[in-house]
C-alpha cells in the first residue's frame, strides 16, 4: 500500500477513501472547497487543509486480500463467484441460498 499527495493531475474524488495524516486514519472524501478537504471520519464531519490528506494506492491482489464481501443473496456465507452462471446444485429452492449455497 502506498500513500501519495493529492495534486491537480490526480485529485481526490467524493466517495474515495483517503488517509488523514494527523490522526493516521482512513476517511471518506466528501469534496474540496476553497483548498479545504471535507471528509467523514468515523461518523463525524471533518474539514482541513488538502496537504494533510494522502491518496491510497493498492494493487489488485492487496485489495482482494484486505476486503471481504458477504453474499448479497442471504447476507452471510462466502461471496458468490462471478465466473459465470450459477451451478445447478446451487439453484435448488428451499435448500439454501442460490448465491453461495449456504442455509440461513
N, C-alpha and C. Protein backbone atom coordinates (compact mmCIF):
# COMPACT_ATOMS: atom_id res chain seq x y z
N UNK A 1 0.84 -1.16 0.00
CA UNK A 1 0.00 0.00 0.00
C UNK A 1 0.89 1.23 0.00
N UNK A 2 0.58 2.18 -0.88
CA UNK A 2 1.34 3.41 -0.98
C UNK A 2 0.44 4.60 -0.70
N UNK A 3 1.03 5.66 -0.14
CA UNK A 3 0.32 6.90 0.08
C UNK A 3 1.04 8.00 -0.70
N UNK A 4 0.29 8.81 -1.42
CA UNK A 4 0.91 9.89 -2.18
C UNK A 4 0.04 11.14 -2.12
N UNK A 5 0.65 12.28 -2.43
CA UNK A 5 -0.01 13.58 -2.31
C UNK A 5 -1.15 13.73 -3.32
N UNK A 6 -2.11 14.55 -2.94
CA UNK A 6 -3.22 14.89 -3.82
C UNK A 6 -2.77 16.09 -4.66
N UNK A 7 -2.84 15.97 -5.97
CA UNK A 7 -2.41 17.03 -6.88
C UNK A 7 -3.56 17.40 -7.82
N UNK A 8 -3.31 18.41 -8.66
CA UNK A 8 -4.31 18.79 -9.66
C UNK A 8 -4.44 17.72 -10.73
N UNK A 9 -3.35 17.00 -11.01
CA UNK A 9 -3.40 15.93 -12.01
C UNK A 9 -4.18 14.72 -11.49
N UNK A 10 -4.07 14.45 -10.19
CA UNK A 10 -4.77 13.33 -9.56
C UNK A 10 -5.54 13.82 -8.35
N UNK A 11 -6.69 14.46 -8.57
CA UNK A 11 -7.47 14.99 -7.44
C UNK A 11 -8.23 13.88 -6.71
N UNK A 12 -8.60 14.16 -5.48
CA UNK A 12 -9.43 13.23 -4.72
C UNK A 12 -10.89 13.45 -5.14
N UNK A 13 -11.58 12.36 -5.36
CA UNK A 13 -12.98 12.43 -5.79
C UNK A 13 -13.89 12.11 -4.61
N UNK A 14 -15.09 12.68 -4.56
CA UNK A 14 -16.04 12.35 -3.49
C UNK A 14 -16.33 10.86 -3.46
N UNK A 15 -16.33 10.30 -2.27
CA UNK A 15 -16.56 8.87 -2.08
C UNK A 15 -15.29 8.05 -2.03
N UNK A 16 -14.16 8.66 -2.33
CA UNK A 16 -12.88 7.96 -2.33
C UNK A 16 -12.31 7.87 -0.91
N UNK A 17 -11.70 6.74 -0.60
CA UNK A 17 -11.05 6.56 0.70
C UNK A 17 -9.67 7.21 0.65
N UNK A 18 -9.36 8.07 1.63
CA UNK A 18 -8.08 8.75 1.69
C UNK A 18 -7.54 8.71 3.11
N UNK A 19 -6.25 8.95 3.26
CA UNK A 19 -5.60 8.93 4.57
C UNK A 19 -5.54 10.34 5.14
N UNK A 20 -5.98 10.50 6.39
CA UNK A 20 -5.87 11.77 7.10
C UNK A 20 -4.65 11.64 8.00
N UNK A 21 -3.55 12.34 7.66
CA UNK A 21 -2.27 12.12 8.30
C UNK A 21 -2.18 12.52 9.77
N UNK A 22 -2.82 13.59 10.26
CA UNK A 22 -2.68 13.89 11.70
C UNK A 22 -3.20 12.78 12.62
N UNK A 23 -4.26 12.11 12.20
CA UNK A 23 -4.83 11.02 13.03
C UNK A 23 -4.43 9.64 12.54
N UNK A 24 -3.78 9.56 11.38
CA UNK A 24 -3.43 8.28 10.75
C UNK A 24 -4.65 7.39 10.62
N UNK A 25 -5.74 7.97 10.10
CA UNK A 25 -6.97 7.21 9.92
C UNK A 25 -7.46 7.35 8.48
N UNK A 26 -8.19 6.35 8.04
CA UNK A 26 -8.77 6.36 6.71
C UNK A 26 -10.13 7.05 6.80
N UNK A 27 -10.34 8.03 5.92
CA UNK A 27 -11.59 8.79 5.89
C UNK A 27 -12.18 8.72 4.49
N UNK A 28 -13.44 9.14 4.37
CA UNK A 28 -14.13 9.16 3.08
C UNK A 28 -14.22 10.61 2.61
N UNK A 29 -13.71 10.88 1.43
CA UNK A 29 -13.72 12.23 0.87
C UNK A 29 -15.14 12.66 0.55
N UNK A 30 -15.50 13.88 0.97
CA UNK A 30 -16.80 14.44 0.66
C UNK A 30 -16.70 15.52 -0.41
N UNK A 31 -15.53 16.15 -0.54
CA UNK A 31 -15.34 17.17 -1.56
C UNK A 31 -14.25 18.15 -1.16
N UNK A 32 -13.91 19.04 -2.12
CA UNK A 32 -12.90 20.07 -1.89
C UNK A 32 -13.56 21.43 -2.11
N UNK A 33 -13.44 22.31 -1.11
CA UNK A 33 -14.00 23.65 -1.19
C UNK A 33 -12.94 24.64 -0.70
N UNK A 34 -12.53 25.58 -1.57
CA UNK A 34 -11.56 26.63 -1.21
C UNK A 34 -10.28 26.08 -0.58
N UNK A 35 -9.62 25.11 -1.24
CA UNK A 35 -8.39 24.47 -0.74
C UNK A 35 -8.55 23.80 0.62
N UNK A 36 -9.75 23.45 0.98
CA UNK A 36 -10.04 22.68 2.19
C UNK A 36 -10.70 21.38 1.77
N UNK A 37 -10.25 20.28 2.34
CA UNK A 37 -10.83 18.97 2.07
C UNK A 37 -11.90 18.71 3.11
N UNK A 38 -13.06 18.29 2.65
CA UNK A 38 -14.14 17.88 3.54
C UNK A 38 -14.24 16.37 3.49
N UNK A 39 -14.35 15.75 4.66
CA UNK A 39 -14.37 14.28 4.72
C UNK A 39 -15.18 13.82 5.91
N UNK A 40 -15.53 12.53 5.89
CA UNK A 40 -16.24 11.90 7.00
C UNK A 40 -15.27 10.95 7.70
N UNK A 41 -15.15 11.12 9.01
CA UNK A 41 -14.24 10.30 9.80
C UNK A 41 -15.01 9.68 10.96
N UNK A 42 -15.24 8.38 10.91
CA UNK A 42 -15.94 7.64 11.97
C UNK A 42 -17.26 8.31 12.37
N UNK A 43 -18.05 8.71 11.39
CA UNK A 43 -19.37 9.27 11.65
C UNK A 43 -19.39 10.77 11.90
N UNK A 44 -18.25 11.43 11.92
CA UNK A 44 -18.23 12.88 12.13
C UNK A 44 -17.68 13.57 10.89
N UNK A 45 -18.02 14.84 10.74
CA UNK A 45 -17.59 15.63 9.60
C UNK A 45 -16.26 16.29 9.91
N UNK A 46 -15.37 16.35 8.95
CA UNK A 46 -14.02 16.85 9.14
C UNK A 46 -13.68 17.79 7.99
N UNK A 47 -13.06 18.93 8.29
CA UNK A 47 -12.61 19.86 7.26
C UNK A 47 -11.22 20.34 7.63
N UNK A 48 -10.25 20.19 6.71
CA UNK A 48 -8.86 20.58 6.97
C UNK A 48 -8.15 20.84 5.65
N UNK A 49 -6.90 21.32 5.71
CA UNK A 49 -6.12 21.61 4.52
C UNK A 49 -5.88 20.36 3.69
N UNK A 50 -5.82 20.51 2.37
CA UNK A 50 -5.60 19.39 1.45
C UNK A 50 -4.25 18.73 1.69
N UNK A 51 -3.25 19.50 2.12
CA UNK A 51 -1.91 18.95 2.32
C UNK A 51 -1.86 17.89 3.41
N UNK A 52 -2.86 17.84 4.28
CA UNK A 52 -2.89 16.87 5.37
C UNK A 52 -3.51 15.54 4.98
N UNK A 53 -3.95 15.43 3.72
CA UNK A 53 -4.57 14.21 3.23
C UNK A 53 -3.68 13.57 2.18
N UNK A 54 -3.72 12.25 2.10
CA UNK A 54 -2.94 11.49 1.11
C UNK A 54 -3.85 10.50 0.41
N UNK A 55 -3.59 10.29 -0.88
CA UNK A 55 -4.32 9.28 -1.64
C UNK A 55 -3.73 7.90 -1.33
N UNK A 56 -4.52 6.87 -1.50
CA UNK A 56 -4.10 5.50 -1.22
C UNK A 56 -4.02 4.74 -2.54
N UNK A 57 -2.93 4.01 -2.74
CA UNK A 57 -2.76 3.19 -3.93
C UNK A 57 -2.51 1.76 -3.49
N UNK A 58 -3.39 0.84 -3.95
CA UNK A 58 -3.24 -0.58 -3.62
C UNK A 58 -3.26 -1.38 -4.91
N UNK A 59 -2.52 -2.48 -4.92
CA UNK A 59 -2.58 -3.38 -6.05
C UNK A 59 -3.86 -4.19 -5.97
N UNK A 60 -4.23 -4.81 -7.07
CA UNK A 60 -5.46 -5.61 -7.09
C UNK A 60 -5.38 -6.77 -6.10
N UNK A 61 -4.22 -7.42 -6.01
CA UNK A 61 -4.04 -8.53 -5.06
C UNK A 61 -4.22 -8.05 -3.62
N UNK A 62 -3.65 -6.89 -3.33
CA UNK A 62 -3.75 -6.33 -1.98
C UNK A 62 -5.20 -5.98 -1.64
N UNK A 63 -5.92 -5.42 -2.62
CA UNK A 63 -7.32 -5.06 -2.40
C UNK A 63 -8.16 -6.30 -2.10
N UNK A 64 -7.97 -7.35 -2.87
CA UNK A 64 -8.73 -8.58 -2.65
C UNK A 64 -8.40 -9.17 -1.28
N UNK A 65 -7.13 -9.11 -0.88
CA UNK A 65 -6.71 -9.67 0.40
C UNK A 65 -7.29 -8.89 1.59
N UNK A 66 -7.38 -7.57 1.46
CA UNK A 66 -7.79 -6.72 2.58
C UNK A 66 -9.30 -6.50 2.68
N UNK A 67 -10.07 -6.85 1.66
CA UNK A 67 -11.51 -6.63 1.71
C UNK A 67 -12.24 -7.96 1.83
N UNK A 68 -13.47 -7.89 2.31
CA UNK A 68 -14.30 -9.08 2.48
C UNK A 68 -15.71 -8.70 2.08
N UNK A 69 -16.35 -9.52 1.30
CA UNK A 69 -17.71 -9.27 0.86
C UNK A 69 -18.60 -10.41 1.30
N UNK A 70 -19.79 -10.07 1.72
CA UNK A 70 -20.76 -11.09 2.11
C UNK A 70 -21.67 -11.39 0.93
N UNK A 71 -22.32 -12.51 0.97
CA UNK A 71 -23.25 -12.90 -0.08
C UNK A 71 -24.42 -11.91 -0.10
N UNK A 72 -24.74 -11.37 -1.26
CA UNK A 72 -25.82 -10.40 -1.36
C UNK A 72 -27.20 -11.08 -1.29
N UNK A 73 -27.23 -12.38 -1.52
CA UNK A 73 -28.49 -13.10 -1.50
C UNK A 73 -29.01 -13.36 -0.11
N UNK A 74 -28.14 -13.80 0.81
CA UNK A 74 -28.59 -14.18 2.14
C UNK A 74 -27.98 -13.34 3.25
N UNK A 75 -26.96 -12.53 2.95
CA UNK A 75 -26.32 -11.69 3.97
C UNK A 75 -25.26 -12.41 4.76
N UNK A 76 -24.93 -13.61 4.42
CA UNK A 76 -23.91 -14.37 5.14
C UNK A 76 -23.16 -15.27 4.20
N UNK A 77 -22.37 -16.13 4.77
CA UNK A 77 -21.64 -17.09 3.96
C UNK A 77 -20.53 -16.44 3.17
N UNK A 78 -20.08 -17.15 2.16
CA UNK A 78 -18.99 -16.63 1.35
C UNK A 78 -19.53 -15.90 0.14
N UNK A 79 -18.67 -15.13 -0.48
CA UNK A 79 -19.02 -14.34 -1.64
C UNK A 79 -19.33 -15.24 -2.83
N UNK A 80 -20.39 -14.91 -3.55
CA UNK A 80 -20.72 -15.66 -4.75
C UNK A 80 -19.70 -15.33 -5.83
N UNK A 81 -19.28 -16.31 -6.60
CA UNK A 81 -18.27 -16.07 -7.64
C UNK A 81 -18.92 -15.44 -8.86
N UNK A 82 -18.14 -14.68 -9.58
CA UNK A 82 -18.61 -14.02 -10.79
C UNK A 82 -18.07 -14.74 -12.01
N UNK A 83 -17.86 -16.02 -11.94
CA UNK A 83 -17.22 -16.76 -13.02
C UNK A 83 -18.22 -17.37 -14.00
N UNK A 84 -19.43 -16.90 -14.02
CA UNK A 84 -20.41 -17.44 -14.96
C UNK A 84 -21.72 -17.72 -14.28
N UNK A 85 -22.57 -18.49 -14.94
CA UNK A 85 -23.89 -18.77 -14.36
C UNK A 85 -23.79 -19.62 -13.10
N UNK A 86 -24.85 -19.58 -12.31
CA UNK A 86 -24.89 -20.31 -11.05
C UNK A 86 -24.98 -21.81 -11.36
N UNK A 87 -24.12 -22.62 -10.74
CA UNK A 87 -24.17 -24.07 -10.99
C UNK A 87 -25.52 -24.65 -10.58
N UNK A 88 -25.97 -25.70 -11.24
CA UNK A 88 -27.29 -26.28 -10.94
C UNK A 88 -27.45 -26.73 -9.49
N UNK A 89 -26.38 -27.16 -8.85
CA UNK A 89 -26.51 -27.63 -7.47
C UNK A 89 -26.82 -26.49 -6.50
N UNK A 90 -26.60 -25.25 -6.90
CA UNK A 90 -26.86 -24.10 -6.02
C UNK A 90 -28.21 -23.45 -6.32
N UNK A 91 -28.95 -23.91 -7.29
CA UNK A 91 -30.20 -23.27 -7.66
C UNK A 91 -31.42 -23.93 -7.03
N UNK A 92 -31.24 -24.88 -6.16
CA UNK A 92 -32.37 -25.56 -5.53
C UNK A 92 -33.07 -24.62 -4.56
N UNK A 93 -34.37 -24.44 -4.72
CA UNK A 93 -35.12 -23.58 -3.82
C UNK A 93 -35.44 -24.36 -2.55
N UNK A 94 -35.39 -23.69 -1.42
CA UNK A 94 -35.65 -24.33 -0.15
C UNK A 94 -34.46 -25.09 0.40
N UNK A 95 -33.40 -25.23 -0.36
CA UNK A 95 -32.23 -25.98 0.05
C UNK A 95 -31.05 -25.07 0.41
N UNK A 96 -31.25 -23.77 0.38
CA UNK A 96 -30.17 -22.85 0.69
C UNK A 96 -30.16 -21.66 -0.25
N UNK A 97 -29.17 -20.84 -0.10
CA UNK A 97 -29.03 -19.63 -0.89
C UNK A 97 -28.61 -19.98 -2.32
N UNK A 98 -29.18 -19.28 -3.30
CA UNK A 98 -28.80 -19.50 -4.70
C UNK A 98 -27.42 -18.94 -4.99
N UNK A 99 -26.97 -17.95 -4.22
CA UNK A 99 -25.68 -17.31 -4.49
C UNK A 99 -24.51 -18.08 -3.93
N UNK A 100 -24.55 -18.43 -2.62
CA UNK A 100 -23.39 -19.06 -2.01
C UNK A 100 -23.62 -20.51 -1.60
N UNK A 101 -24.85 -20.98 -1.64
CA UNK A 101 -25.13 -22.37 -1.31
C UNK A 101 -25.36 -22.63 0.17
N UNK A 102 -25.20 -21.62 1.03
CA UNK A 102 -25.39 -21.84 2.46
C UNK A 102 -26.85 -21.68 2.86
N UNK A 103 -27.17 -22.17 4.02
CA UNK A 103 -28.53 -22.04 4.56
C UNK A 103 -28.58 -20.89 5.54
N UNK A 104 -29.72 -20.26 5.65
CA UNK A 104 -29.89 -19.16 6.60
C UNK A 104 -29.95 -19.70 8.01
